[in-house]
Amino acid sequence: MYVSDHAVLRYIERVIGLDVEAVRVKIASPTVQKAVDFGCETVVLGTGQRIILHGDVAVTVLPKGARGTR
């Protein structure tokens, strides 16, 4: 059996009770929006994780110390 990412996300949201929209707002912070405005491809958070941007879309968050590759 395979469990899709969509199913995992909905489980976290609907069973565990995590507010997914609040997480979305946190990712799209004013600092990240400013990076988008400047055309940045990566935002390093103060905690060391990296938000990877493609245009004006945050496509993933990498763990502390990880580097994105293209």
N, C-alpha and C. Protein backbone atom coordinates (compact mmCIF):
# COMPACT_ATOMS: atom_id res chain seq x y z
N MET A 1 0.84 -1.18 0.00
CA MET A 1 0.00 0.00 0.00
C MET A 1 0.88 1.24 0.00
N TYR A 2 0.47 2.22 -0.76
CA TYR A 2 1.15 3.51 -0.82
C TYR A 2 0.21 4.57 -0.23
N VAL A 3 0.75 5.44 0.60
CA VAL A 3 -0.03 6.55 1.16
C VAL A 3 0.49 7.84 0.51
N SER A 4 -0.37 8.54 -0.20
CA SER A 4 0.04 9.75 -0.91
C SER A 4 0.36 10.90 0.06
N ASP A 5 1.14 11.85 -0.42
CA ASP A 5 1.44 13.04 0.37
C ASP A 5 0.15 13.79 0.70
N HIS A 6 -0.80 13.78 -0.23
CA HIS A 6 -2.08 14.44 0.00
C HIS A 6 -2.81 13.81 1.19
N ALA A 7 -2.81 12.48 1.25
CA ALA A 7 -3.46 11.78 2.36
C ALA A 7 -2.77 12.09 3.69
N VAL A 8 -1.44 12.12 3.67
CA VAL A 8 -0.69 12.46 4.88
C VAL A 8 -1.04 13.87 5.35
N LEU A 9 -1.04 14.81 4.42
CA LEU A 9 -1.36 16.19 4.77
C LEU A 9 -2.77 16.30 5.34
N ARG A 10 -3.74 15.65 4.72
CA ARG A 10 -5.12 15.71 5.23
C ARG A 10 -5.23 15.04 6.59
N TYR A 11 -4.49 13.96 6.83
CA TYR A 11 -4.49 13.31 8.14
C TYR A 11 -3.95 14.26 9.20
N ILE A 12 -2.83 14.89 8.88
CA ILE A 12 -2.23 15.85 9.82
C ILE A 12 -3.21 16.98 10.11
N GLU A 13 -3.88 17.44 9.08
CA GLU A 13 -4.82 18.54 9.22
C GLU A 13 -6.08 18.12 9.97
N ARG A 14 -6.68 17.02 9.58
CA ARG A 14 -8.02 16.66 10.05
C ARG A 14 -8.05 15.72 11.25
N VAL A 15 -7.00 14.94 11.44
CA VAL A 15 -6.98 14.01 12.57
C VAL A 15 -6.12 14.57 13.70
N ILE A 16 -4.91 14.97 13.37
CA ILE A 16 -4.01 15.53 14.38
C ILE A 16 -4.45 16.94 14.76
N GLY A 17 -4.98 17.68 13.79
CA GLY A 17 -5.52 19.01 14.09
C GLY A 17 -4.58 20.17 13.80
N LEU A 18 -3.56 19.95 12.99
CA LEU A 18 -2.66 21.03 12.63
C LEU A 18 -3.35 21.98 11.66
N ASP A 19 -3.23 23.27 11.90
CA ASP A 19 -3.83 24.29 11.03
C ASP A 19 -2.90 24.53 9.84
N VAL A 20 -3.18 23.85 8.73
CA VAL A 20 -2.33 23.92 7.54
C VAL A 20 -2.29 25.33 6.97
N GLU A 21 -3.40 26.04 7.00
CA GLU A 21 -3.43 27.41 6.49
C GLU A 21 -2.53 28.33 7.32
N ALA A 22 -2.46 28.12 8.62
CA ALA A 22 -1.57 28.92 9.47
C ALA A 22 -0.10 28.66 9.11
N VAL A 23 0.21 27.41 8.76
CA VAL A 23 1.57 27.08 8.32
C VAL A 23 1.85 27.78 6.99
N ARG A 24 0.89 27.78 6.10
CA ARG A 24 1.06 28.45 4.80
C ARG A 24 1.35 29.94 5.00
N VAL A 25 0.62 30.57 5.91
CA VAL A 25 0.82 32.00 6.20
C VAL A 25 2.22 32.23 6.78
N LYS A 26 2.66 31.32 7.65
CA LYS A 26 3.99 31.45 8.25
C LYS A 26 5.09 31.33 7.18
N ILE A 27 4.92 30.40 6.25
CA ILE A 27 5.91 30.25 5.16
C ILE A 27 5.93 31.51 4.29
N ALA A 28 4.77 32.06 4.00
CA ALA A 28 4.66 33.25 3.14
C ALA A 28 4.81 34.53 3.95
N SER A 29 5.79 34.55 4.83
CA SER A 29 6.02 35.70 5.69
C SER A 29 6.46 36.92 4.87
N PRO A 30 6.38 38.10 5.45
CA PRO A 30 6.85 39.30 4.73
C PRO A 30 8.31 39.18 4.28
N THR A 31 9.14 38.53 5.07
CA THR A 31 10.55 38.36 4.69
C THR A 31 10.67 37.49 3.44
N VAL A 32 9.92 36.40 3.39
CA VAL A 32 9.96 35.52 2.22
C VAL A 32 9.37 36.24 1.02
N GLN A 33 8.30 37.00 1.22
CA GLN A 33 7.71 37.77 0.11
C GLN A 33 8.72 38.78 -0.44
N LYS A 34 9.50 39.40 0.43
CA LYS A 34 10.53 40.35 -0.03
C LYS A 34 11.57 39.61 -0.87
N ALA A 35 11.95 38.40 -0.45
CA ALA A 35 12.90 37.60 -1.24
C ALA A 35 12.32 37.27 -2.62
N VAL A 36 11.03 36.96 -2.66
CA VAL A 36 10.36 36.72 -3.95
C VAL A 36 10.44 37.96 -4.81
N ASP A 37 10.14 39.12 -4.21
CA ASP A 37 10.17 40.39 -4.95
C ASP A 37 11.55 40.67 -5.54
N PHE A 38 12.60 40.23 -4.83
CA PHE A 38 13.97 40.44 -5.32
C PHE A 38 14.42 39.35 -6.29
N GLY A 39 13.59 38.33 -6.49
CA GLY A 39 13.94 37.25 -7.42
C GLY A 39 14.82 36.17 -6.82
N CYS A 40 14.87 36.09 -5.51
CA CYS A 40 15.69 35.06 -4.86
C CYS A 40 15.13 33.67 -5.13
N GLU A 41 16.00 32.68 -5.09
CA GLU A 41 15.58 31.29 -5.27
C GLU A 41 15.59 30.51 -3.96
N THR A 42 16.24 31.06 -2.94
CA THR A 42 16.35 30.40 -1.65
C THR A 42 16.25 31.42 -0.53
N VAL A 43 15.58 31.05 0.53
CA VAL A 43 15.54 31.86 1.74
C VAL A 43 16.03 30.97 2.88
N VAL A 44 17.07 31.40 3.58
CA VAL A 44 17.58 30.65 4.72
C VAL A 44 16.90 31.21 5.97
N LEU A 45 16.19 30.34 6.68
CA LEU A 45 15.52 30.76 7.90
C LEU A 45 16.53 30.91 9.04
N GLY A 46 16.17 31.64 10.04
CA GLY A 46 17.04 31.83 11.21
C GLY A 46 17.36 30.52 11.91
N THR A 47 16.50 29.53 11.72
CA THR A 47 16.71 28.21 12.32
C THR A 47 17.55 27.29 11.44
N GLY A 48 17.94 27.77 10.25
CA GLY A 48 18.84 27.03 9.37
C GLY A 48 18.18 26.29 8.22
N GLN A 49 16.87 26.10 8.26
CA GLN A 49 16.18 25.46 7.13
C GLN A 49 16.14 26.43 5.95
N ARG A 50 15.95 25.87 4.76
CA ARG A 50 15.89 26.69 3.54
C ARG A 50 14.55 26.52 2.86
N ILE A 51 13.95 27.64 2.49
CA ILE A 51 12.74 27.63 1.66
C ILE A 51 13.20 27.81 0.23
N ILE A 52 12.84 26.88 -0.64
CA ILE A 52 13.21 26.94 -2.05
C ILE A 52 12.05 27.56 -2.82
N LEU A 53 12.38 28.57 -3.61
CA LEU A 53 11.39 29.31 -4.38
C LEU A 53 11.59 29.08 -5.86
N HIS A 54 10.50 28.94 -6.58
CA HIS A 54 10.50 28.95 -8.05
C HIS A 54 9.54 30.06 -8.43
N GLY A 55 10.10 31.20 -8.82
CA GLY A 55 9.27 32.36 -9.07
C GLY A 55 8.61 32.79 -7.78
N ASP A 56 7.30 32.91 -7.78
CA ASP A 56 6.60 33.33 -6.57
C ASP A 56 5.95 32.15 -5.84
N VAL A 57 6.52 30.94 -6.02
CA VAL A 57 5.99 29.74 -5.37
C VAL A 57 7.06 29.14 -4.46
N ALA A 58 6.70 28.94 -3.19
CA ALA A 58 7.57 28.19 -2.28
C ALA A 58 7.31 26.72 -2.57
N VAL A 59 8.32 26.03 -3.11
CA VAL A 59 8.11 24.66 -3.57
C VAL A 59 8.51 23.60 -2.56
N THR A 60 9.43 23.92 -1.66
CA THR A 60 9.82 22.96 -0.63
C THR A 60 10.57 23.68 0.48
N VAL A 61 10.73 22.97 1.57
CA VAL A 61 11.55 23.45 2.69
C VAL A 61 12.56 22.35 2.98
N LEU A 62 13.83 22.71 2.91
CA LEU A 62 14.90 21.75 3.14
C LEU A 62 15.34 21.80 4.60
N PRO A 63 15.78 20.66 5.14
CA PRO A 63 16.24 20.64 6.52
C PRO A 63 17.53 21.43 6.71
N LYS A 64 17.80 21.79 7.93
CA LYS A 64 19.01 22.52 8.29
C LYS A 64 20.23 21.80 7.74
N GLY A 65 21.10 22.53 7.07
CA GLY A 65 22.32 21.97 6.53
C GLY A 65 22.21 21.39 5.14
N ALA A 66 21.00 21.18 4.64
CA ALA A 66 20.81 20.59 3.31
C ALA A 66 20.98 21.68 2.25
N ARG A 67 21.41 21.28 1.10
CA ARG A 67 21.57 22.18 -0.04
C ARG A 67 20.69 21.70 -1.17
N GLY A 68 19.98 22.62 -1.80
CA GLY A 68 19.17 22.29 -2.97
C GLY A 68 20.07 22.14 -4.19
N THR A 69 19.71 21.28 -5.09
CA THR A 69 20.47 21.12 -6.33
C THR A 69 19.54 21.30 -7.50
N ARG A 70 20.09 21.73 -8.60
CA ARG A 70 19.31 21.91 -9.83
C ARG A 70 19.90 21.09 -10.92
